[in-house]
Amino acid sequence: MALLITDACINCDVCEPECPNGAIAQGEAIYTIDPNQCTECVGHFDEPQCVQVCPVDCIVLDPEHPETKEQLYQKYLALTRKAG
C-alpha cells in the first residue's frame, strides 16, 4: 500500500526530505503523499523512512491504494528507470 499522512500532521517538515521517491509534498493544510510515487521505501530501505522520523505517528497505510510488496517493488523499478 502507499502511505497516507493523516490530519494529525503538525507540518514539522521532517518527512519530506527523507522520501527517496520525492512522493511527499506540502499540501494546502498538511503534507501529502503521492500514491503513484510512494513505494513504502521498498527498493531503497527496509522500512518507510517517513514513518521512522515522524514525531507524531501520523503516517499510515492508505486503504485506498492497496499494493503488495511485489507491486511496490515493481513501482520502485519503474520510478528508478525514469530517474536514471
N, C-alpha and C. Protein backbone atom coordinates (compact mmCIF):
# COMPACT_ATOMS: atom_id res chain seq x y z
N MET A 1 0.84 -1.19 0.00
CA MET A 1 0.00 0.00 0.00
C MET A 1 0.87 1.24 0.00
N ALA A 2 0.38 2.25 -0.59
CA ALA A 2 1.03 3.55 -0.44
C ALA A 2 0.73 4.03 0.98
N LEU A 3 1.45 5.04 1.38
CA LEU A 3 1.23 5.60 2.71
C LEU A 3 0.39 6.86 2.61
N LEU A 4 -0.15 7.27 3.74
CA LEU A 4 -1.05 8.41 3.82
C LEU A 4 -0.70 9.20 5.07
N ILE A 5 -0.67 10.51 4.96
CA ILE A 5 -0.44 11.37 6.12
C ILE A 5 -1.80 11.83 6.62
N THR A 6 -2.08 11.57 7.89
CA THR A 6 -3.39 11.93 8.46
C THR A 6 -3.40 13.40 8.89
N ASP A 7 -4.58 13.86 9.27
CA ASP A 7 -4.71 15.26 9.69
C ASP A 7 -4.08 15.54 11.06
N ALA A 8 -3.45 14.54 11.65
CA ALA A 8 -2.68 14.75 12.88
C ALA A 8 -1.31 15.38 12.57
N CYS A 9 -0.98 15.51 11.30
CA CYS A 9 0.29 16.09 10.86
C CYS A 9 0.46 17.48 11.47
N ILE A 10 1.66 17.75 11.98
CA ILE A 10 1.96 19.06 12.57
C ILE A 10 2.87 19.91 11.67
N ASN A 11 3.04 19.49 10.43
CA ASN A 11 3.86 20.23 9.45
C ASN A 11 5.27 20.52 9.98
N CYS A 12 5.89 19.51 10.54
CA CYS A 12 7.22 19.69 11.13
C CYS A 12 8.34 19.63 10.09
N ASP A 13 8.02 19.25 8.88
CA ASP A 13 8.97 19.24 7.76
C ASP A 13 10.03 18.14 7.80
N VAL A 14 9.92 17.15 8.68
CA VAL A 14 10.98 16.14 8.72
C VAL A 14 10.77 15.00 7.72
N CYS A 15 9.56 14.74 7.30
CA CYS A 15 9.31 13.60 6.40
C CYS A 15 9.71 13.87 4.96
N GLU A 16 9.45 15.06 4.46
CA GLU A 16 9.67 15.36 3.04
C GLU A 16 11.08 15.04 2.56
N PRO A 17 12.13 15.51 3.24
CA PRO A 17 13.48 15.22 2.73
C PRO A 17 13.89 13.76 2.87
N GLU A 18 13.18 12.98 3.66
CA GLU A 18 13.53 11.57 3.86
C GLU A 18 13.03 10.67 2.74
N CYS A 19 12.07 11.13 1.94
CA CYS A 19 11.45 10.30 0.92
C CYS A 19 12.37 10.15 -0.30
N PRO A 20 12.85 8.94 -0.57
CA PRO A 20 13.76 8.74 -1.71
C PRO A 20 13.07 8.87 -3.07
N ASN A 21 11.74 8.83 -3.06
CA ASN A 21 11.00 8.92 -4.32
C ASN A 21 10.42 10.30 -4.58
N GLY A 22 10.59 11.22 -3.65
CA GLY A 22 10.00 12.55 -3.83
C GLY A 22 8.49 12.53 -3.80
N ALA A 23 7.91 11.57 -3.07
CA ALA A 23 6.46 11.41 -3.03
C ALA A 23 5.77 12.35 -2.05
N ILE A 24 6.51 12.97 -1.16
CA ILE A 24 5.91 13.80 -0.12
C ILE A 24 6.06 15.27 -0.50
N ALA A 25 4.96 16.02 -0.37
CA ALA A 25 4.96 17.44 -0.67
C ALA A 25 4.03 18.18 0.28
N GLN A 26 4.27 19.46 0.45
CA GLN A 26 3.40 20.27 1.28
C GLN A 26 2.07 20.45 0.56
N GLY A 27 1.00 20.09 1.23
CA GLY A 27 -0.34 20.29 0.69
C GLY A 27 -0.90 21.61 1.19
N GLU A 28 -2.20 21.81 1.01
CA GLU A 28 -2.81 23.05 1.46
C GLU A 28 -2.77 23.20 2.97
N ALA A 29 -3.07 22.12 3.69
CA ALA A 29 -3.11 22.19 5.16
C ALA A 29 -2.01 21.36 5.81
N ILE A 30 -1.71 20.20 5.23
CA ILE A 30 -0.72 19.29 5.78
C ILE A 30 0.09 18.69 4.63
N TYR A 31 1.14 17.97 4.98
CA TYR A 31 1.90 17.28 3.95
C TYR A 31 1.05 16.17 3.34
N THR A 32 1.35 15.85 2.09
CA THR A 32 0.62 14.80 1.38
C THR A 32 1.62 13.84 0.74
N ILE A 33 1.13 12.64 0.46
CA ILE A 33 1.95 11.63 -0.21
C ILE A 33 1.28 11.25 -1.52
N ASP A 34 2.02 11.34 -2.61
CA ASP A 34 1.52 10.94 -3.92
C ASP A 34 1.59 9.41 -4.00
N PRO A 35 0.44 8.74 -4.05
CA PRO A 35 0.44 7.27 -4.08
C PRO A 35 1.11 6.68 -5.32
N ASN A 36 1.21 7.46 -6.38
CA ASN A 36 1.88 6.98 -7.58
C ASN A 36 3.40 6.99 -7.43
N GLN A 37 3.90 7.72 -6.46
CA GLN A 37 5.34 7.80 -6.22
C GLN A 37 5.78 7.01 -4.99
N CYS A 38 4.84 6.70 -4.10
CA CYS A 38 5.17 6.05 -2.83
C CYS A 38 5.36 4.54 -3.02
N THR A 39 6.51 4.05 -2.57
CA THR A 39 6.79 2.61 -2.60
C THR A 39 7.00 2.05 -1.19
N GLU A 40 6.63 2.86 -0.17
CA GLU A 40 6.91 2.49 1.22
C GLU A 40 8.41 2.24 1.40
N CYS A 41 9.21 2.86 0.57
CA CYS A 41 10.68 2.74 0.55
C CYS A 41 11.16 1.37 0.11
N VAL A 42 10.26 0.52 -0.40
CA VAL A 42 10.67 -0.77 -0.95
C VAL A 42 11.67 -0.49 -2.08
N GLY A 43 12.78 -1.21 -2.06
CA GLY A 43 13.83 -1.00 -3.05
C GLY A 43 14.90 -0.04 -2.57
N HIS A 44 14.57 0.80 -1.60
CA HIS A 44 15.53 1.75 -1.05
C HIS A 44 15.96 1.36 0.36
N PHE A 45 14.98 1.10 1.22
CA PHE A 45 15.22 0.83 2.63
C PHE A 45 14.32 -0.32 3.10
N ASP A 46 14.63 -0.85 4.27
CA ASP A 46 13.82 -1.93 4.84
C ASP A 46 12.50 -1.44 5.42
N GLU A 47 12.44 -0.17 5.81
CA GLU A 47 11.23 0.41 6.39
C GLU A 47 11.00 1.80 5.82
N PRO A 48 9.74 2.24 5.77
CA PRO A 48 9.47 3.59 5.28
C PRO A 48 10.18 4.64 6.14
N GLN A 49 10.98 5.45 5.51
CA GLN A 49 11.76 6.45 6.23
C GLN A 49 10.90 7.54 6.84
N CYS A 50 9.83 7.92 6.17
CA CYS A 50 8.96 8.96 6.71
C CYS A 50 8.31 8.51 8.02
N VAL A 51 7.92 7.24 8.09
CA VAL A 51 7.33 6.69 9.30
C VAL A 51 8.37 6.69 10.42
N GLN A 52 9.62 6.38 10.07
CA GLN A 52 10.69 6.34 11.06
C GLN A 52 10.93 7.70 11.72
N VAL A 53 10.82 8.78 10.97
CA VAL A 53 11.15 10.10 11.51
C VAL A 53 9.96 10.90 12.02
N CYS A 54 8.75 10.49 11.71
CA CYS A 54 7.56 11.25 12.10
C CYS A 54 7.40 11.28 13.62
N PRO A 55 7.42 12.48 14.22
CA PRO A 55 7.32 12.57 15.67
C PRO A 55 5.91 12.36 16.23
N VAL A 56 4.89 12.41 15.37
CA VAL A 56 3.51 12.26 15.86
C VAL A 56 2.81 11.01 15.31
N ASP A 57 3.55 10.14 14.65
CA ASP A 57 2.99 8.89 14.12
C ASP A 57 1.71 9.11 13.31
N CYS A 58 1.76 10.05 12.38
CA CYS A 58 0.57 10.35 11.59
C CYS A 58 0.63 9.77 10.18
N ILE A 59 1.61 8.89 9.91
CA ILE A 59 1.73 8.30 8.57
C ILE A 59 1.32 6.84 8.66
N VAL A 60 0.26 6.51 7.93
CA VAL A 60 -0.35 5.19 8.00
C VAL A 60 -0.51 4.60 6.60
N LEU A 61 -0.84 3.32 6.55
CA LEU A 61 -1.14 2.69 5.26
C LEU A 61 -2.40 3.30 4.68
N ASP A 62 -2.38 3.54 3.39
CA ASP A 62 -3.52 4.15 2.70
C ASP A 62 -4.44 3.04 2.19
N PRO A 63 -5.61 2.87 2.81
CA PRO A 63 -6.51 1.79 2.40
C PRO A 63 -7.07 1.96 0.99
N GLU A 64 -6.96 3.15 0.45
CA GLU A 64 -7.44 3.42 -0.92
C GLU A 64 -6.46 2.92 -1.99
N HIS A 65 -5.23 2.58 -1.56
CA HIS A 65 -4.20 2.16 -2.51
C HIS A 65 -3.52 0.88 -2.04
N PRO A 66 -4.25 -0.24 -2.03
CA PRO A 66 -3.64 -1.50 -1.59
C PRO A 66 -2.64 -2.02 -2.64
N GLU A 67 -1.44 -2.37 -2.16
CA GLU A 67 -0.42 -2.92 -3.04
C GLU A 67 0.39 -3.96 -2.26
N THR A 68 0.81 -4.99 -2.96
CA THR A 68 1.67 -6.00 -2.34
C THR A 68 3.11 -5.48 -2.36
N LYS A 69 3.99 -6.16 -1.63
CA LYS A 69 5.41 -5.80 -1.66
C LYS A 69 5.96 -5.94 -3.07
N GLU A 70 5.51 -6.95 -3.81
CA GLU A 70 5.96 -7.12 -5.19
C GLU A 70 5.51 -5.96 -6.08
N GLN A 71 4.27 -5.52 -5.90
CA GLN A 71 3.78 -4.37 -6.68
C GLN A 71 4.57 -3.11 -6.32
N LEU A 72 4.87 -2.93 -5.04
CA LEU A 72 5.67 -1.79 -4.62
C LEU A 72 7.07 -1.85 -5.23
N TYR A 73 7.64 -3.05 -5.28
CA TYR A 73 8.97 -3.22 -5.87
C TYR A 73 8.94 -2.92 -7.37
N GLN A 74 7.90 -3.36 -8.05
CA GLN A 74 7.77 -3.07 -9.48
C GLN A 74 7.62 -1.56 -9.72
N LYS A 75 6.90 -0.89 -8.83
CA LYS A 75 6.76 0.56 -8.93
C LYS A 75 8.12 1.23 -8.72
N TYR A 76 8.86 0.74 -7.72
CA TYR A 76 10.22 1.23 -7.47
C TYR A 76 11.09 1.10 -8.73
N LEU A 77 11.05 -0.08 -9.38
CA LEU A 77 11.83 -0.29 -10.60
C LEU A 77 11.42 0.70 -11.69
N ALA A 78 10.14 0.90 -11.86
CA ALA A 78 9.66 1.84 -12.88
C ALA A 78 10.10 3.27 -12.56
N LEU A 79 10.01 3.66 -11.30
CA LEU A 79 10.41 5.01 -10.90
C LEU A 79 11.91 5.23 -11.07
N THR A 80 12.71 4.25 -10.74
CA THR A 80 14.15 4.41 -10.84
C THR A 80 14.61 4.36 -12.29
N ARG A 81 13.89 3.65 -13.14
CA ARG A 81 14.22 3.66 -14.58
C ARG A 81 13.98 5.04 -15.16
N LYS A 82 12.87 5.69 -14.73
CA LYS A 82 12.56 7.04 -15.22
C LYS A 82 13.61 8.04 -14.75
N ALA A 83 14.05 7.88 -13.52
CA ALA A 83 15.03 8.82 -12.94
C ALA A 83 16.42 8.60 -13.54
N GLY A 84 16.72 7.37 -13.94
CA GLY A 84 18.07 7.04 -14.43
C GLY A 84 18.19 7.29 -15.86
